[in-house]
N, C-alpha and C. Protein backbone atom coordinates (compact mmCIF):
# COMPACT_ATOMS: atom_id res chain seq x y z
N MET A 1 0.84 -1.17 0.00
CA MET A 1 0.00 0.00 0.00
C MET A 1 0.90 1.24 0.00
N PRO A 2 0.65 2.20 -0.92
CA PRO A 2 1.50 3.39 -0.98
C PRO A 2 1.26 4.28 0.24
N PRO A 3 2.28 5.08 0.64
CA PRO A 3 2.09 5.97 1.78
C PRO A 3 1.06 7.04 1.47
N PRO A 4 0.42 7.56 2.51
CA PRO A 4 -0.60 8.60 2.30
C PRO A 4 0.01 9.84 1.64
N ALA A 5 -0.87 10.68 1.14
CA ALA A 5 -0.45 11.87 0.41
C ALA A 5 0.34 12.85 1.28
N TRP A 6 0.14 12.79 2.62
CA TRP A 6 0.83 13.77 3.44
C TRP A 6 2.29 13.40 3.68
N GLY A 7 2.75 12.29 3.16
CA GLY A 7 4.17 11.98 3.16
C GLY A 7 4.69 11.18 4.32
N TRP A 8 3.87 10.70 5.21
CA TRP A 8 4.32 9.89 6.34
C TRP A 8 3.94 8.44 6.08
N GLY A 9 4.30 7.57 7.02
CA GLY A 9 3.94 6.17 6.92
C GLY A 9 2.44 6.00 7.10
N SER A 10 2.04 4.80 7.45
CA SER A 10 0.60 4.51 7.54
C SER A 10 -0.04 5.08 8.79
N ASN A 11 0.71 5.52 9.77
CA ASN A 11 0.16 6.06 11.01
C ASN A 11 -0.03 7.57 10.87
N PRO A 12 -1.27 8.06 10.89
CA PRO A 12 -1.49 9.50 10.74
C PRO A 12 -0.95 10.32 11.91
N LEU A 13 -0.66 9.67 13.04
CA LEU A 13 -0.10 10.39 14.19
C LEU A 13 1.42 10.42 14.17
N GLU A 14 2.00 9.85 13.15
CA GLU A 14 3.45 9.77 13.08
C GLU A 14 4.14 11.14 13.16
N PRO A 15 3.62 12.18 12.51
CA PRO A 15 4.28 13.48 12.65
C PRO A 15 4.27 13.99 14.09
N VAL A 16 3.20 13.73 14.81
CA VAL A 16 3.11 14.16 16.20
C VAL A 16 4.12 13.39 17.04
N VAL A 17 4.17 12.08 16.84
CA VAL A 17 5.10 11.24 17.60
C VAL A 17 6.53 11.68 17.31
N HIS A 18 6.84 11.95 16.06
CA HIS A 18 8.19 12.38 15.68
C HIS A 18 8.54 13.69 16.40
N THR A 19 7.60 14.61 16.45
CA THR A 19 7.83 15.90 17.11
C THR A 19 8.05 15.70 18.60
N VAL A 20 7.22 14.88 19.22
CA VAL A 20 7.36 14.61 20.66
C VAL A 20 8.71 13.96 20.94
N ALA A 21 9.11 13.02 20.11
CA ALA A 21 10.40 12.36 20.30
C ALA A 21 11.53 13.36 20.19
N ALA A 22 11.48 14.22 19.20
CA ALA A 22 12.53 15.22 19.02
C ALA A 22 12.55 16.18 20.21
N PHE A 23 11.39 16.59 20.65
CA PHE A 23 11.29 17.50 21.79
C PHE A 23 11.86 16.82 23.03
N SER A 24 11.48 15.57 23.27
CA SER A 24 11.97 14.85 24.43
C SER A 24 13.48 14.70 24.39
N ARG A 25 13.98 14.38 23.23
CA ARG A 25 15.42 14.18 23.07
C ARG A 25 16.17 15.48 23.38
N ARG A 26 15.65 16.61 22.94
CA ARG A 26 16.37 17.88 23.08
C ARG A 26 16.16 18.55 24.43
N LEU A 27 14.94 18.51 24.95
CA LEU A 27 14.65 19.33 26.12
C LEU A 27 14.36 18.57 27.39
N LEU A 28 13.59 17.50 27.30
CA LEU A 28 13.13 16.85 28.52
C LEU A 28 14.19 15.95 29.15
N ILE A 29 14.99 15.31 28.34
CA ILE A 29 15.97 14.39 28.91
C ILE A 29 17.27 15.13 29.15
N ALA A 30 17.97 15.45 28.12
CA ALA A 30 19.19 16.25 28.23
C ALA A 30 19.77 16.39 26.84
N PRO A 31 20.32 17.54 26.53
CA PRO A 31 20.88 17.71 25.20
C PRO A 31 22.00 16.72 24.92
N GLU A 32 22.69 16.26 25.98
CA GLU A 32 23.82 15.35 25.74
C GLU A 32 23.40 13.88 25.62
N ALA A 33 22.12 13.57 25.79
CA ALA A 33 21.65 12.18 25.71
C ALA A 33 21.85 11.65 24.30
N ALA A 34 22.34 10.48 24.24
CA ALA A 34 22.57 9.84 22.93
C ALA A 34 21.24 9.38 22.35
N PRO A 35 21.11 9.31 21.00
CA PRO A 35 19.86 8.88 20.38
C PRO A 35 19.41 7.49 20.83
N ASP A 36 20.35 6.65 21.30
CA ASP A 36 19.94 5.30 21.71
C ASP A 36 19.74 5.21 23.22
N ASP A 37 19.65 6.33 23.88
CA ASP A 37 19.41 6.38 25.31
C ASP A 37 18.16 5.55 25.62
N ALA A 38 18.21 4.71 26.65
CA ALA A 38 17.13 3.80 27.00
C ALA A 38 15.82 4.54 27.28
N ARG A 39 15.91 5.76 27.77
CA ARG A 39 14.70 6.52 28.07
C ARG A 39 13.97 6.94 26.81
N LEU A 40 14.66 7.00 25.66
CA LEU A 40 14.05 7.43 24.42
C LEU A 40 13.53 6.28 23.56
N ARG A 41 13.96 5.05 23.84
CA ARG A 41 13.59 3.94 22.96
C ARG A 41 12.09 3.80 22.75
N PRO A 42 11.25 3.94 23.78
CA PRO A 42 9.81 3.79 23.51
C PRO A 42 9.30 4.84 22.52
N LEU A 43 9.76 6.06 22.64
CA LEU A 43 9.32 7.10 21.72
C LEU A 43 9.90 6.90 20.33
N LEU A 44 11.18 6.58 20.28
CA LEU A 44 11.82 6.42 18.97
C LEU A 44 11.29 5.23 18.22
N SER A 45 10.84 4.20 18.92
CA SER A 45 10.32 3.02 18.22
C SER A 45 9.00 3.31 17.53
N LEU A 46 8.31 4.35 17.97
CA LEU A 46 7.03 4.69 17.35
C LEU A 46 7.22 5.36 15.99
N SER A 47 8.33 6.04 15.81
CA SER A 47 8.52 6.77 14.57
C SER A 47 9.99 6.77 14.19
N LEU A 48 10.28 6.14 13.11
CA LEU A 48 11.65 6.14 12.62
C LEU A 48 11.75 6.88 11.29
N SER A 49 10.66 7.44 10.85
CA SER A 49 10.66 8.16 9.58
C SER A 49 11.31 9.52 9.74
N PRO A 50 12.03 9.95 8.73
CA PRO A 50 12.59 11.30 8.79
C PRO A 50 11.47 12.32 8.63
N PRO A 51 11.70 13.54 9.07
CA PRO A 51 10.66 14.55 8.90
C PRO A 51 10.37 14.78 7.43
N PRO A 52 9.15 15.17 7.10
CA PRO A 52 8.80 15.34 5.70
C PRO A 52 9.52 16.54 5.10
N THR A 53 9.77 16.43 3.82
CA THR A 53 10.32 17.59 3.12
C THR A 53 9.14 18.34 2.54
N PRO A 54 9.14 19.65 2.70
CA PRO A 54 8.00 20.40 2.19
C PRO A 54 7.92 20.28 0.66
N PRO A 55 6.70 20.28 0.13
CA PRO A 55 6.57 20.18 -1.32
C PRO A 55 7.19 21.41 -1.97
N SER A 56 7.79 21.19 -3.11
CA SER A 56 8.40 22.34 -3.79
C SER A 56 7.31 23.15 -4.47
N ARG A 57 7.37 24.43 -4.28
CA ARG A 57 6.40 25.34 -4.87
C ARG A 57 7.15 26.34 -5.73
N PRO A 58 6.48 26.83 -6.75
CA PRO A 58 7.15 27.86 -7.54
C PRO A 58 7.33 29.11 -6.68
N PRO A 59 8.40 29.84 -6.91
CA PRO A 59 8.60 31.05 -6.09
C PRO A 59 7.50 32.07 -6.35
N PRO A 60 7.16 32.85 -5.32
CA PRO A 60 6.12 33.87 -5.50
C PRO A 60 6.58 34.93 -6.50
N PRO A 61 5.64 35.62 -7.12
CA PRO A 61 6.03 36.67 -8.06
C PRO A 61 6.79 37.78 -7.34
N PRO A 62 7.65 38.50 -8.04
CA PRO A 62 8.45 39.55 -7.41
C PRO A 62 7.62 40.60 -6.67
N GLU A 63 6.41 40.91 -7.18
CA GLU A 63 5.58 41.91 -6.51
C GLU A 63 5.21 41.44 -5.11
N ALA A 64 4.91 40.14 -4.97
CA ALA A 64 4.52 39.60 -3.67
C ALA A 64 5.69 39.66 -2.70
N LEU A 65 6.88 39.33 -3.17
CA LEU A 65 8.05 39.39 -2.31
C LEU A 65 8.31 40.81 -1.86
N LYS A 66 8.15 41.75 -2.76
CA LYS A 66 8.38 43.14 -2.44
C LYS A 66 7.42 43.61 -1.35
N LYS A 67 6.14 43.27 -1.49
CA LYS A 67 5.13 43.69 -0.51
C LYS A 67 5.35 42.99 0.83
N ASP A 68 5.61 41.66 0.80
CA ASP A 68 5.79 40.91 2.04
C ASP A 68 7.05 41.33 2.78
N SER A 69 8.08 41.71 2.04
CA SER A 69 9.34 42.03 2.69
C SER A 69 9.38 43.47 3.17
N LYS A 70 8.30 44.21 2.95
CA LYS A 70 8.26 45.60 3.37
C LYS A 70 8.26 45.66 4.90
N ALA A 71 9.34 46.12 5.43
CA ALA A 71 9.45 46.22 6.88
C ALA A 71 9.54 47.68 7.27
N ALA A 72 8.58 48.46 6.79
CA ALA A 72 8.56 49.88 7.07
C ALA A 72 7.19 50.28 7.56
N PRO A 73 7.10 51.41 8.23
CA PRO A 73 5.78 51.88 8.67
C PRO A 73 4.87 52.12 7.47
N LEU A 74 3.58 52.15 7.73
CA LEU A 74 2.62 52.43 6.67
C LEU A 74 2.85 53.83 6.11
N THR A 75 2.48 54.00 4.88
CA THR A 75 2.55 55.33 4.29
C THR A 75 1.32 56.13 4.72
N LYS A 76 1.38 57.43 4.53
CA LYS A 76 0.25 58.30 4.84
C LYS A 76 -0.98 57.88 4.03
N GLU A 77 -0.76 57.47 2.78
CA GLU A 77 -1.87 57.04 1.91
C GLU A 77 -2.49 55.75 2.42
N GLU A 78 -1.67 54.79 2.87
CA GLU A 78 -2.20 53.53 3.38
C GLU A 78 -3.03 53.74 4.64
N VAL A 79 -2.55 54.61 5.53
CA VAL A 79 -3.30 54.91 6.75
C VAL A 79 -4.62 55.59 6.39
N GLY A 80 -4.57 56.49 5.42
CA GLY A 80 -5.79 57.18 4.99
C GLY A 80 -6.82 56.22 4.43
N ARG A 81 -6.40 55.32 3.53
CA ARG A 81 -7.34 54.35 2.96
C ARG A 81 -7.95 53.47 4.05
N ALA A 82 -7.11 53.01 4.98
CA ALA A 82 -7.61 52.14 6.06
C ALA A 82 -8.59 52.90 6.96
N THR A 83 -8.29 54.16 7.23
CA THR A 83 -9.17 54.97 8.09
C THR A 83 -10.53 55.18 7.43
N TRP A 84 -10.52 55.56 6.15
CA TRP A 84 -11.79 55.77 5.45
C TRP A 84 -12.59 54.48 5.37
N MET A 85 -11.91 53.36 5.16
CA MET A 85 -12.60 52.06 5.10
C MET A 85 -13.29 51.79 6.44
N LEU A 86 -12.58 52.02 7.53
CA LEU A 86 -13.17 51.82 8.86
C LEU A 86 -14.35 52.75 9.07
N LEU A 87 -14.19 54.03 8.77
CA LEU A 87 -15.26 54.99 9.01
C LEU A 87 -16.49 54.68 8.16
N HIS A 88 -16.31 54.33 6.90
CA HIS A 88 -17.46 54.00 6.05
C HIS A 88 -18.15 52.72 6.55
N THR A 89 -17.37 51.78 7.05
CA THR A 89 -17.95 50.55 7.57
C THR A 89 -18.75 50.84 8.84
N ILE A 90 -18.23 51.70 9.69
CA ILE A 90 -18.97 52.11 10.89
C ILE A 90 -20.27 52.79 10.49
N ALA A 91 -20.19 53.70 9.53
CA ALA A 91 -21.40 54.41 9.09
C ALA A 91 -22.41 53.45 8.49
N ALA A 92 -21.96 52.44 7.76
CA ALA A 92 -22.87 51.47 7.15
C ALA A 92 -23.59 50.66 8.23
N GLN A 93 -22.94 50.43 9.35
CA GLN A 93 -23.53 49.65 10.44
C GLN A 93 -24.32 50.53 11.41
N PHE A 94 -24.24 51.82 11.25
CA PHE A 94 -24.90 52.74 12.16
C PHE A 94 -26.41 52.47 12.13
N PRO A 95 -27.09 52.56 13.27
CA PRO A 95 -28.53 52.24 13.30
C PRO A 95 -29.38 53.25 12.51
N ASP A 96 -30.49 52.77 12.00
CA ASP A 96 -31.44 53.64 11.31
C ASP A 96 -32.05 54.65 12.28
N GLU A 97 -32.22 54.23 13.51
CA GLU A 97 -32.75 55.11 14.55
C GLU A 97 -31.80 55.07 15.75
N PRO A 98 -30.70 55.82 15.65
CA PRO A 98 -29.69 55.77 16.72
C PRO A 98 -30.19 56.42 18.01
N THR A 99 -29.63 55.94 19.10
CA THR A 99 -29.93 56.57 20.39
C THR A 99 -29.19 57.90 20.47
N ARG A 100 -29.55 58.68 21.45
CA ARG A 100 -28.86 59.96 21.66
C ARG A 100 -27.37 59.71 21.89
N GLN A 101 -27.05 58.66 22.65
CA GLN A 101 -25.65 58.34 22.93
C GLN A 101 -24.91 57.93 21.64
N GLN A 102 -25.55 57.18 20.78
CA GLN A 102 -24.90 56.78 19.52
C GLN A 102 -24.63 57.99 18.63
N ARG A 103 -25.53 58.94 18.60
CA ARG A 103 -25.29 60.17 17.83
C ARG A 103 -24.11 60.94 18.42
N ARG A 104 -24.07 61.02 19.76
CA ARG A 104 -22.93 61.67 20.44
C ARG A 104 -21.63 60.94 20.12
N ASP A 105 -21.69 59.61 20.17
CA ASP A 105 -20.49 58.80 19.89
C ASP A 105 -19.96 59.05 18.48
N ALA A 106 -20.86 59.17 17.51
CA ALA A 106 -20.43 59.43 16.14
C ALA A 106 -19.72 60.78 16.05
N ARG A 107 -20.28 61.80 16.70
CA ARG A 107 -19.63 63.12 16.70
C ARG A 107 -18.29 63.06 17.42
N GLU A 108 -18.26 62.37 18.55
CA GLU A 108 -17.02 62.29 19.33
C GLU A 108 -15.95 61.49 18.58
N LEU A 109 -16.35 60.45 17.88
CA LEU A 109 -15.38 59.67 17.10
C LEU A 109 -14.67 60.57 16.09
N MET A 110 -15.44 61.38 15.40
CA MET A 110 -14.84 62.28 14.41
C MET A 110 -13.93 63.30 15.09
N ALA A 111 -14.35 63.81 16.24
CA ALA A 111 -13.52 64.77 16.97
C ALA A 111 -12.22 64.11 17.45
N ILE A 112 -12.32 62.88 17.93
CA ILE A 112 -11.12 62.16 18.39
C ILE A 112 -10.17 61.93 17.23
N ILE A 113 -10.69 61.53 16.09
CA ILE A 113 -9.83 61.31 14.92
C ILE A 113 -9.13 62.61 14.55
N SER A 114 -9.85 63.73 14.63
CA SER A 114 -9.22 65.01 14.28
C SER A 114 -8.13 65.41 15.27
N ARG A 115 -8.14 64.83 16.46
CA ARG A 115 -7.10 65.13 17.46
C ARG A 115 -5.97 64.12 17.48
N LEU A 116 -6.29 62.84 17.21
CA LEU A 116 -5.28 61.79 17.38
C LEU A 116 -4.76 61.19 16.06
N TYR A 117 -5.27 61.64 14.95
CA TYR A 117 -4.86 61.05 13.67
C TYR A 117 -3.33 61.13 13.54
N PRO A 118 -2.68 60.06 13.09
CA PRO A 118 -1.22 60.01 13.09
C PRO A 118 -0.51 60.94 12.09
N CYS A 119 -1.25 61.64 11.27
CA CYS A 119 -0.66 62.63 10.35
C CYS A 119 -1.15 63.99 10.83
N LYS A 120 -0.25 64.81 11.38
CA LYS A 120 -0.66 66.09 11.97
C LYS A 120 -1.33 66.99 10.94
N GLU A 121 -0.76 67.09 9.75
CA GLU A 121 -1.33 67.93 8.69
C GLU A 121 -2.75 67.46 8.34
N CYS A 122 -2.91 66.14 8.24
CA CYS A 122 -4.23 65.56 7.91
C CYS A 122 -5.23 65.85 9.03
N ALA A 123 -4.79 65.69 10.27
CA ALA A 123 -5.66 65.92 11.42
C ALA A 123 -6.13 67.38 11.45
N GLU A 124 -5.22 68.30 11.21
CA GLU A 124 -5.58 69.72 11.20
C GLU A 124 -6.59 70.00 10.09
N HIS A 125 -6.37 69.42 8.92
CA HIS A 125 -7.30 69.62 7.81
C HIS A 125 -8.67 69.05 8.16
N PHE A 126 -8.67 67.86 8.80
CA PHE A 126 -9.95 67.23 9.16
C PHE A 126 -10.70 68.09 10.18
N LYS A 127 -9.98 68.74 11.10
CA LYS A 127 -10.63 69.65 12.05
C LYS A 127 -11.36 70.76 11.31
N GLU A 128 -10.70 71.32 10.29
CA GLU A 128 -11.31 72.39 9.49
C GLU A 128 -12.55 71.87 8.75
N VAL A 129 -12.42 70.66 8.20
CA VAL A 129 -13.55 70.06 7.46
C VAL A 129 -14.73 69.85 8.41
N LEU A 130 -14.46 69.37 9.62
CA LEU A 130 -15.53 69.15 10.60
C LEU A 130 -16.19 70.46 11.04
N LYS A 131 -15.37 71.50 11.17
CA LYS A 131 -15.90 72.80 11.58
C LYS A 131 -16.87 73.32 10.52
N ALA A 132 -16.52 73.13 9.25
CA ALA A 132 -17.37 73.60 8.15
C ALA A 132 -18.54 72.66 7.88
N ASN A 133 -18.41 71.39 8.30
CA ASN A 133 -19.42 70.36 8.01
C ASN A 133 -19.67 69.53 9.26
N PRO A 134 -20.43 70.06 10.23
CA PRO A 134 -20.67 69.30 11.47
C PRO A 134 -21.26 67.92 11.18
N VAL A 135 -20.92 66.98 12.05
CA VAL A 135 -21.36 65.58 11.89
C VAL A 135 -22.89 65.52 11.86
N GLN A 136 -23.40 64.79 10.90
CA GLN A 136 -24.84 64.53 10.76
C GLN A 136 -25.04 63.04 10.98
N ALA A 137 -25.62 62.67 12.12
CA ALA A 137 -25.75 61.26 12.46
C ALA A 137 -27.14 60.95 13.01
N GLY A 138 -28.18 61.47 12.36
CA GLY A 138 -29.54 61.22 12.80
C GLY A 138 -30.07 59.87 12.38
N SER A 139 -29.39 59.23 11.44
CA SER A 139 -29.77 57.89 10.97
C SER A 139 -28.59 57.29 10.23
N GLN A 140 -28.72 56.03 9.90
CA GLN A 140 -27.65 55.37 9.13
C GLN A 140 -27.46 56.07 7.79
N ALA A 141 -28.56 56.36 7.10
CA ALA A 141 -28.48 56.99 5.78
C ALA A 141 -27.84 58.37 5.88
N GLU A 142 -28.26 59.15 6.87
CA GLU A 142 -27.71 60.49 7.03
C GLU A 142 -26.21 60.44 7.35
N PHE A 143 -25.82 59.55 8.26
CA PHE A 143 -24.42 59.45 8.65
C PHE A 143 -23.57 58.98 7.47
N SER A 144 -24.04 57.99 6.73
CA SER A 144 -23.29 57.48 5.57
C SER A 144 -23.14 58.55 4.50
N GLN A 145 -24.22 59.30 4.24
CA GLN A 145 -24.15 60.36 3.23
C GLN A 145 -23.25 61.51 3.69
N TRP A 146 -23.35 61.87 4.96
CA TRP A 146 -22.48 62.92 5.49
C TRP A 146 -21.02 62.51 5.35
N LEU A 147 -20.70 61.25 5.74
CA LEU A 147 -19.32 60.79 5.68
C LEU A 147 -18.82 60.76 4.23
N CYS A 148 -19.67 60.35 3.31
CA CYS A 148 -19.29 60.34 1.90
C CYS A 148 -18.99 61.77 1.44
N TYR A 149 -19.84 62.71 1.82
CA TYR A 149 -19.63 64.10 1.44
C TYR A 149 -18.29 64.60 2.00
N VAL A 150 -18.03 64.34 3.28
CA VAL A 150 -16.79 64.79 3.92
C VAL A 150 -15.58 64.11 3.27
N HIS A 151 -15.71 62.83 2.96
CA HIS A 151 -14.62 62.12 2.29
C HIS A 151 -14.33 62.80 0.95
N ASN A 152 -15.37 63.19 0.24
CA ASN A 152 -15.18 63.88 -1.04
C ASN A 152 -14.54 65.25 -0.86
N VAL A 153 -14.85 65.94 0.24
CA VAL A 153 -14.19 67.22 0.52
C VAL A 153 -12.69 67.00 0.64
N VAL A 154 -12.31 65.96 1.39
CA VAL A 154 -10.89 65.64 1.56
C VAL A 154 -10.29 65.22 0.21
N ASN A 155 -10.99 64.35 -0.53
CA ASN A 155 -10.48 63.91 -1.83
C ASN A 155 -10.25 65.10 -2.76
N ARG A 156 -11.20 66.02 -2.79
CA ARG A 156 -11.08 67.21 -3.66
C ARG A 156 -9.82 67.98 -3.30
N SER A 157 -9.56 68.15 -2.01
CA SER A 157 -8.38 68.91 -1.59
C SER A 157 -7.08 68.21 -1.97
N LEU A 158 -7.14 66.90 -2.15
CA LEU A 158 -5.96 66.12 -2.53
C LEU A 158 -5.87 65.89 -4.04
N GLY A 159 -6.85 66.41 -4.77
CA GLY A 159 -6.86 66.20 -6.22
C GLY A 159 -7.25 64.79 -6.62
N LYS A 160 -7.98 64.11 -5.74
CA LYS A 160 -8.41 62.74 -6.03
C LYS A 160 -9.82 62.75 -6.60
N PRO A 161 -10.22 61.64 -7.24
CA PRO A 161 -11.58 61.58 -7.80
C PRO A 161 -12.65 61.66 -6.70
N ILE A 162 -13.82 62.14 -7.10
CA ILE A 162 -14.95 62.27 -6.20
C ILE A 162 -15.80 61.00 -6.32
N PHE A 163 -16.21 60.47 -5.18
CA PHE A 163 -17.04 59.26 -5.17
C PHE A 163 -18.50 59.65 -5.25
N PRO A 164 -19.29 58.99 -6.11
CA PRO A 164 -20.72 59.31 -6.19
C PRO A 164 -21.45 58.80 -4.94
N CYS A 165 -21.92 59.71 -4.12
CA CYS A 165 -22.50 59.34 -2.82
C CYS A 165 -23.78 58.52 -2.94
N GLN A 166 -24.46 58.57 -4.08
CA GLN A 166 -25.65 57.72 -4.24
C GLN A 166 -25.25 56.24 -4.26
N ARG A 167 -23.97 55.95 -4.43
CA ARG A 167 -23.51 54.55 -4.46
C ARG A 167 -22.83 54.13 -3.16
N VAL A 168 -22.94 54.94 -2.12
CA VAL A 168 -22.23 54.66 -0.88
C VAL A 168 -22.64 53.32 -0.27
N ASN A 169 -23.93 52.99 -0.28
CA ASN A 169 -24.36 51.71 0.30
C ASN A 169 -23.93 50.53 -0.55
N ALA A 170 -23.84 50.72 -1.85
CA ALA A 170 -23.36 49.63 -2.71
C ALA A 170 -21.88 49.36 -2.44
N ARG A 171 -21.13 50.41 -2.12
CA ARG A 171 -19.69 50.26 -1.87
C ARG A 171 -19.40 49.83 -0.43
N TRP A 172 -20.07 50.44 0.54
CA TRP A 172 -19.79 50.16 1.95
C TRP A 172 -21.07 49.80 2.69
N GLY A 173 -21.89 48.94 2.11
CA GLY A 173 -23.15 48.57 2.74
C GLY A 173 -22.93 47.78 4.01
N LYS A 174 -24.04 47.41 4.62
CA LYS A 174 -23.99 46.65 5.87
C LYS A 174 -23.17 45.38 5.69
N LEU A 175 -22.46 45.01 6.73
CA LEU A 175 -21.69 43.78 6.71
C LEU A 175 -22.63 42.59 6.60
N ASP A 176 -22.17 41.56 5.95
CA ASP A 176 -22.96 40.36 5.77
C ASP A 176 -22.74 39.44 6.97
N CYS A 177 -23.57 39.62 7.98
CA CYS A 177 -23.42 38.85 9.22
C CYS A 177 -24.70 38.07 9.48
N PRO A 178 -24.56 36.81 9.87
CA PRO A 178 -25.76 36.00 10.14
C PRO A 178 -26.55 36.57 11.30
N GLU A 179 -27.86 36.55 11.14
CA GLU A 179 -28.79 36.95 12.19
C GLU A 179 -28.48 38.33 12.77
N ARG A 180 -28.05 39.24 11.93
CA ARG A 180 -27.77 40.63 12.30
C ARG A 180 -26.78 40.74 13.45
N SER A 181 -25.84 39.79 13.55
CA SER A 181 -24.89 39.80 14.66
C SER A 181 -23.90 40.95 14.59
N CYS A 182 -23.84 41.67 13.48
CA CYS A 182 -22.93 42.81 13.37
C CYS A 182 -23.61 44.13 13.67
N ASP A 183 -24.92 44.10 13.88
CA ASP A 183 -25.63 45.35 14.12
C ASP A 183 -25.07 46.04 15.36
N LEU A 184 -24.98 47.33 15.27
CA LEU A 184 -24.51 48.13 16.39
C LEU A 184 -25.61 48.21 17.43
N GLU A 185 -25.25 47.89 18.64
CA GLU A 185 -26.22 48.02 19.71
C GLU A 185 -25.71 49.07 20.66
N GLY A 186 -26.58 49.84 21.18
CA GLY A 186 -26.15 50.88 22.10
C GLY A 186 -27.22 51.12 23.13
N SER A 187 -26.94 52.05 23.98
CA SER A 187 -27.91 52.39 25.01
C SER A 187 -27.85 53.88 25.23
N ASN A 188 -28.71 54.34 26.07
CA ASN A 188 -28.72 55.75 26.42
C ASN A 188 -27.75 56.03 27.57
N ASP A 189 -27.08 54.99 28.03
CA ASP A 189 -26.15 55.17 29.15
C ASP A 189 -24.98 56.03 28.71
N ILE A 190 -24.58 56.88 29.60
CA ILE A 190 -23.39 57.70 29.34
C ILE A 190 -22.25 57.06 30.10
N ILE A 191 -21.15 56.86 29.41
CA ILE A 191 -19.97 56.27 30.05
C ILE A 191 -19.39 57.32 30.98
N PRO A 192 -19.20 56.96 32.26
CA PRO A 192 -18.68 57.95 33.21
C PRO A 192 -17.23 58.27 32.90
N ASN A 193 -16.83 59.51 33.24
CA ASN A 193 -15.42 59.90 33.09
C ASN A 193 -14.61 59.13 34.11
N ARG A 194 -13.45 58.74 33.70
CA ARG A 194 -12.59 57.97 34.62
C ARG A 194 -11.49 58.85 35.13
C-alpha cells in the first residue's frame, strides 16, 4: 500500500510522535543524551521516519516578495485608505434610529480622529472640514451620506476623484453577518469619566 499523500507512513499520528520524540530528546531528557538512550527507545520506536520535506512550490512573483518584505511603517496614503474604510464601515452599520448616545459617539469619534490622527497635517485639515461640516448622524443613511460628502471634501483637496454618494451603500453597505450579529447596539447610558 503506498504511503498517504501527506508523506508519512501509515500512522497519521506519526508526525506528532516524531515531534514529541525530538522534543523529548532535546529538552526533557538532556541535550547530551545519545539517540539510543534507554529513556528514548519507547518514543523512537514509534517513529523512525525522517521529517517530511515540504513540497516544492514555484517562487512567488516579485511583486509579492516586495510587498511581504516591506518592513517599514505604513505610508500616509495607506493609513488614509484604512481609516476611510473603517469609518465608512462604521457608518454602514450605524442604526437607522440611533440613540442619543450613539449620535454623540459618532460626533465624538470624528472629533477624536481630528485630534489623534497620526498625520498632523491631515488631522488639522480634518478639524477644518468638521468645523465647516458638522457631523450629521440622525440615521444610518444620514451618517453614511455625510461621511461620503466629507470624504469627497478631503479627496477634492488632494486632487483625487470624487465618489458618487448615491452609491455609498453599494460600496460600503452593511456587513454580511448572520442573524444581524454585526448590528450596532447601544444604550442611552453615558460612560462615566474615569
